[in-house]
Amino acid sequence: MIGSRAVLLAEDDPAIAEPLARSLTREGNECVVVDTGPAALEAALTGVYALVILDLGLPGMDGLEVCRRIRRERPQLAVLMLTARTDEVDFVVGLDAGADDYVGKPFRLAELLARVRALLRRSSGSDEVVLDSGDIQLDARARRVVVDGAELTLANREFDLLRCLMETPGQVRTRDEIMTEVWGSTDLRSSKTLDMHISWVRRKLGEDQPGRRKHIATVRGVGFRFDP
């Protein structure tokens, strides 16, 4: 198991592990599932993974101890911790153990997948690559967008929104996924804000001009898709 999209999922509840593994695979990740703490530790230390999603309450060895030992042996490996105990003390303890991020159960799938994408970007260094659709180039590190050779001026949220869509060309991103990744929220105000920002980005890309190629497609009732 190698590659920048390999994920180790350590979760002993099949009702959580199976649908989550399917969703991770649909997103283009390789996913291996284990259901005990010792198995998680062995896999994390011997396999080549970009991310470990680690349940706090694993049998055999709890997630905190697994995380501490991963951090000692493989300090660069990203760890996302899952827990049903979401009070502030557990949150702090989890981060102190070396977790990069922390999600409480029950979680919203769109939010969890957005956190996964962010950690995978960080671990793979893809923040430093240029996304290129042919007539549009987006440089994530410099936060620059060039359209037909001319630099485009985008506000921060507009840049983040375009990047969110360009990272998965040809794939539909749901409204909840986009709002969680760009705004960190899925409330009604964010929903209206998303529509406004989509409109602004389309206009700045020149998609309102006759004969201009339209990259951002609306998928009715679901979300939006970037067509390269």
Protein backbone atom coordinates (compact mmCIF):
# COMPACT_ATOMS: atom_id res chain seq x y z
CA MET A 1 0.00 0.00 0.00
CA ILE A 2 1.79 3.10 -1.20
CA GLY A 3 0.93 6.54 -2.45
CA SER A 4 -0.16 9.99 -1.36
CA ARG A 5 -3.83 8.93 -1.33
CA ALA A 6 -3.49 5.88 0.95
CA VAL A 7 -5.65 6.06 4.09
CA LEU A 8 -5.64 3.73 7.09
CA LEU A 9 -9.04 3.67 8.81
CA ALA A 10 -8.95 2.28 12.36
CA GLU A 11 -12.58 1.87 13.47
CA ASP A 12 -14.17 -1.10 15.23
CA ASP A 13 -17.82 -0.24 14.48
CA PRO A 14 -18.74 -1.71 11.06
CA ALA A 15 -21.73 0.66 10.82
CA ILE A 16 -19.22 3.53 10.70
CA ALA A 17 -16.22 1.86 9.07
CA GLU A 18 -17.92 0.34 6.02
CA PRO A 19 -19.76 3.41 4.66
CA LEU A 20 -16.81 5.66 5.51
CA ALA A 21 -14.40 3.36 3.66
CA ARG A 22 -16.70 3.38 0.63
CA SER A 23 -16.84 7.18 0.67
CA LEU A 24 -13.06 7.47 0.99
CA THR A 25 -12.61 5.10 -1.97
CA ARG A 26 -15.11 7.06 -4.08
CA GLU A 27 -13.00 10.16 -3.42
CA GLY A 28 -10.06 8.43 -5.09
CA ASN A 29 -8.22 7.17 -2.00
CA GLU A 30 -6.86 3.72 -1.32
CA CYS A 31 -8.38 2.64 1.99
CA VAL A 32 -7.44 -0.14 4.42
CA VAL A 33 -9.65 -0.85 7.45
CA VAL A 34 -8.49 -2.33 10.77
CA ASP A 35 -10.57 -2.75 13.93
CA THR A 36 -8.16 -2.97 16.88
CA GLY A 37 -5.53 -0.71 18.39
CA PRO A 38 -2.61 -3.15 17.95
CA ALA A 39 -3.57 -3.74 14.30
CA ALA A 40 -3.77 0.01 13.72
CA LEU A 41 -0.34 0.59 15.24
CA GLU A 42 1.30 -2.23 13.27
CA ALA A 43 -0.26 -1.08 9.98
CA ALA A 44 0.66 2.57 10.58
CA LEU A 45 4.28 1.72 11.38
CA THR A 46 4.84 -0.84 8.61
CA GLY A 47 2.66 0.46 5.76
CA VAL A 48 3.06 3.60 3.67
CA TYR A 49 0.05 5.80 4.37
CA ALA A 50 -0.63 9.49 3.95
CA LEU A 51 -3.29 9.60 6.69
CA VAL A 52 -4.57 7.56 9.62
CA ILE A 53 -8.20 8.01 10.70
CA LEU A 54 -8.12 6.76 14.26
CA ASP A 55 -11.05 5.95 16.55
CA LEU A 56 -10.33 6.90 20.15
CA GLY A 57 -12.10 3.85 21.62
CA LEU A 58 -10.34 0.98 19.84
CA PRO A 59 -10.14 -2.41 21.60
CA GLY A 60 -6.75 -3.77 22.65
CA MET A 61 -5.07 -0.35 22.76
CA ASP A 62 -6.92 2.95 22.82
CA GLY A 63 -6.52 5.53 20.10
CA LEU A 64 -4.59 7.96 22.30
CA GLU A 65 -1.82 5.44 22.91
CA VAL A 66 -1.78 4.42 19.24
CA CYS A 67 -1.48 8.09 18.27
CA ARG A 68 1.33 8.76 20.77
CA ARG A 69 3.35 5.80 19.45
CA ILE A 70 2.72 6.75 15.80
CA ARG A 71 3.91 10.26 16.58
CA ARG A 72 7.13 8.95 18.17
CA GLU A 73 7.93 6.57 15.30
CA ARG A 74 6.48 8.42 12.31
CA PRO A 75 6.15 12.11 13.21
CA GLN A 76 5.21 13.18 9.66
CA LEU A 77 2.19 10.85 9.36
CA ALA A 78 -1.11 12.78 9.51
CA VAL A 79 -3.61 11.56 12.12
CA LEU A 80 -7.32 12.42 12.24
CA MET A 81 -8.94 11.28 15.48
CA LEU A 82 -12.58 10.20 15.84
CA THR A 83 -14.31 10.12 19.21
CA ALA A 84 -17.76 9.89 20.76
CA ARG A 85 -16.40 11.88 23.72
CA THR A 86 -16.43 15.46 22.52
CA ASP A 87 -15.94 17.55 25.66
CA GLU A 88 -13.09 20.05 25.77
CA VAL A 89 -10.85 17.90 27.97
CA ASP A 90 -10.90 15.00 25.49
CA PHE A 91 -10.29 17.41 22.64
CA VAL A 92 -7.16 18.82 24.31
CA VAL A 93 -5.90 15.36 25.31
CA GLY A 94 -6.33 14.13 21.73
CA LEU A 95 -4.36 17.01 20.28
CA ASP A 96 -1.70 16.65 22.98
CA ALA A 97 -1.30 13.01 21.93
CA GLY A 98 -0.27 14.30 18.51
CA ALA A 99 -3.47 14.25 16.44
CA ASP A 100 -3.54 16.73 13.56
CA ASP A 101 -7.31 17.08 13.66
CA TYR A 102 -10.23 15.83 15.73
CA VAL A 103 -13.85 15.01 14.76
CA GLY A 104 -16.61 14.09 17.20
CA LYS A 105 -19.21 11.40 16.62
CA PRO A 106 -21.79 11.51 15.24
CA PHE A 107 -20.09 13.38 12.43
CA ARG A 108 -21.39 14.77 9.17
CA LEU A 109 -19.80 12.85 6.30
CA ALA A 110 -19.25 15.98 4.20
CA GLU A 111 -17.36 17.65 7.04
CA LEU A 112 -15.20 14.60 7.70
CA LEU A 113 -14.31 14.22 4.01
CA ALA A 114 -13.42 17.92 3.84
CA ARG A 115 -11.04 17.47 6.81
CA VAL A 116 -9.55 14.39 5.11
CA ARG A 117 -8.92 16.33 1.89
CA ALA A 118 -7.23 19.14 3.81
CA LEU A 119 -4.91 16.74 5.66
CA LEU A 120 -4.05 14.83 2.47
CA ARG A 121 -3.21 18.10 0.72
CA ARG A 122 -0.92 19.05 3.58
CA SER A 123 0.79 15.64 3.78
CA SER A 124 1.34 15.36 0.02
CA GLY A 125 2.56 18.93 -0.40
CA SER A 126 -0.08 19.55 -3.06
CA ASP A 127 -0.51 23.06 -1.67
CA GLU A 128 2.56 23.81 -3.76
CA VAL A 129 1.27 22.60 -7.12
CA VAL A 130 -0.46 24.54 -9.86
CA LEU A 131 -3.92 23.36 -10.88
CA ASP A 132 -4.17 23.71 -14.66
CA SER A 133 -7.38 23.35 -16.67
CA GLY A 134 -5.90 24.62 -19.90
CA ASP A 135 -7.13 28.19 -19.97
CA ILE A 136 -7.16 28.58 -16.16
CA GLN A 137 -4.10 28.09 -13.92
CA LEU A 138 -4.41 28.28 -10.13
CA ASP A 139 -1.23 28.48 -8.05
CA ALA A 140 -2.22 27.44 -4.52
CA ARG A 141 1.04 28.51 -2.87
CA ALA A 142 1.12 31.99 -4.42
CA ARG A 143 -2.70 32.28 -4.36
CA ARG A 144 -2.68 33.46 -7.98
CA VAL A 145 -5.15 32.67 -10.75
CA VAL A 146 -4.28 33.24 -14.41
CA VAL A 147 -6.97 33.09 -17.12
CA ASP A 148 -5.84 33.11 -20.76
CA GLY A 149 -2.50 34.54 -19.67
CA ALA A 150 -3.97 37.40 -17.61
CA GLU A 151 -3.89 37.42 -13.82
CA LEU A 152 -7.29 37.46 -12.15
CA THR A 153 -8.09 39.28 -8.92
CA LEU A 154 -10.12 37.08 -6.55
CA ALA A 155 -11.13 37.66 -2.95
CA ASN A 156 -9.99 35.01 -0.46
CA ARG A 157 -13.28 33.07 -0.40
CA GLU A 158 -13.57 33.25 -4.18
CA PHE A 159 -10.05 31.81 -4.51
CA ASP A 160 -10.81 29.03 -2.02
CA LEU A 161 -14.07 28.21 -3.80
CA LEU A 162 -12.44 27.97 -7.23
CA ARG A 163 -9.64 25.85 -5.81
CA CYS A 164 -12.16 23.54 -4.09
CA LEU A 165 -13.87 22.89 -7.44
CA MET A 166 -10.68 22.67 -9.53
CA GLU A 167 -9.15 20.04 -7.23
CA THR A 168 -11.73 17.48 -8.38
CA PRO A 169 -12.24 18.21 -12.10
CA GLY A 170 -15.27 16.52 -13.62
CA GLN A 171 -16.60 15.45 -10.22
CA VAL A 172 -19.70 16.84 -8.53
CA ARG A 173 -19.04 18.55 -5.21
CA THR A 174 -22.11 18.74 -2.99
CA ARG A 175 -23.19 22.03 -1.50
CA ASP A 176 -22.44 20.74 2.01
CA GLU A 177 -18.93 19.62 1.02
CA ILE A 178 -18.12 22.99 -0.53
CA MET A 179 -19.54 25.01 2.36
CA THR A 180 -17.70 22.91 4.93
CA GLU A 181 -14.40 23.12 3.07
CA VAL A 182 -14.57 26.82 2.19
CA TRP A 183 -16.63 28.32 5.04
CA GLY A 184 -16.43 25.66 7.76
CA SER A 185 -20.21 25.71 8.06
CA THR A 186 -23.34 24.43 6.35
CA ASP A 187 -25.90 26.84 7.80
CA LEU A 188 -28.48 28.66 5.67
CA ARG A 189 -26.49 31.88 5.58
CA SER A 190 -23.49 30.01 4.17
CA SER A 191 -25.79 28.38 1.61
CA LYS A 192 -26.91 31.75 0.27
CA THR A 193 -23.32 33.00 0.42
CA LEU A 194 -22.21 30.03 -1.69
CA ASP A 195 -24.62 30.95 -4.49
CA MET A 196 -23.41 34.55 -4.47
CA HIS A 197 -19.76 33.52 -4.59
CA ILE A 198 -20.39 31.04 -7.41
CA SER A 199 -21.98 33.89 -9.35
CA TRP A 200 -19.06 36.23 -8.66
CA VAL A 201 -16.43 33.64 -9.63
CA ARG A 202 -18.30 32.83 -12.87
CA ARG A 203 -18.42 36.51 -13.73
CA LYS A 204 -14.70 37.01 -13.03
CA LEU A 205 -13.87 33.98 -15.17
CA GLY A 206 -15.83 35.68 -17.94
CA GLU A 207 -18.47 32.96 -18.14
CA ASP A 208 -21.21 35.59 -18.58
CA GLN A 209 -19.64 36.67 -21.90
CA PRO A 210 -21.09 35.31 -25.17
CA GLY A 211 -19.11 32.41 -26.59
CA ARG A 212 -16.99 32.03 -23.46
CA ARG A 213 -16.43 28.46 -22.22
CA LYS A 214 -18.34 27.72 -19.01
CA HIS A 215 -16.28 25.75 -16.49
CA ILE A 216 -18.53 25.83 -13.41
CA ALA A 217 -21.64 23.69 -13.96
CA THR A 218 -24.63 23.60 -11.63
CA VAL A 219 -25.84 20.08 -10.82
CA ARG A 220 -29.41 20.74 -9.77
CA GLY A 221 -30.30 19.52 -6.30
CA VAL A 222 -26.73 18.37 -5.59
CA GLY A 223 -24.04 21.00 -6.02
CA PHE A 224 -21.47 22.13 -8.56
CA ARG A 225 -18.87 20.63 -10.91
CA PHE A 226 -15.74 22.07 -12.50
CA ASP A 227 -15.38 21.04 -16.14
CA PRO A 228 -11.78 21.47 -17.36
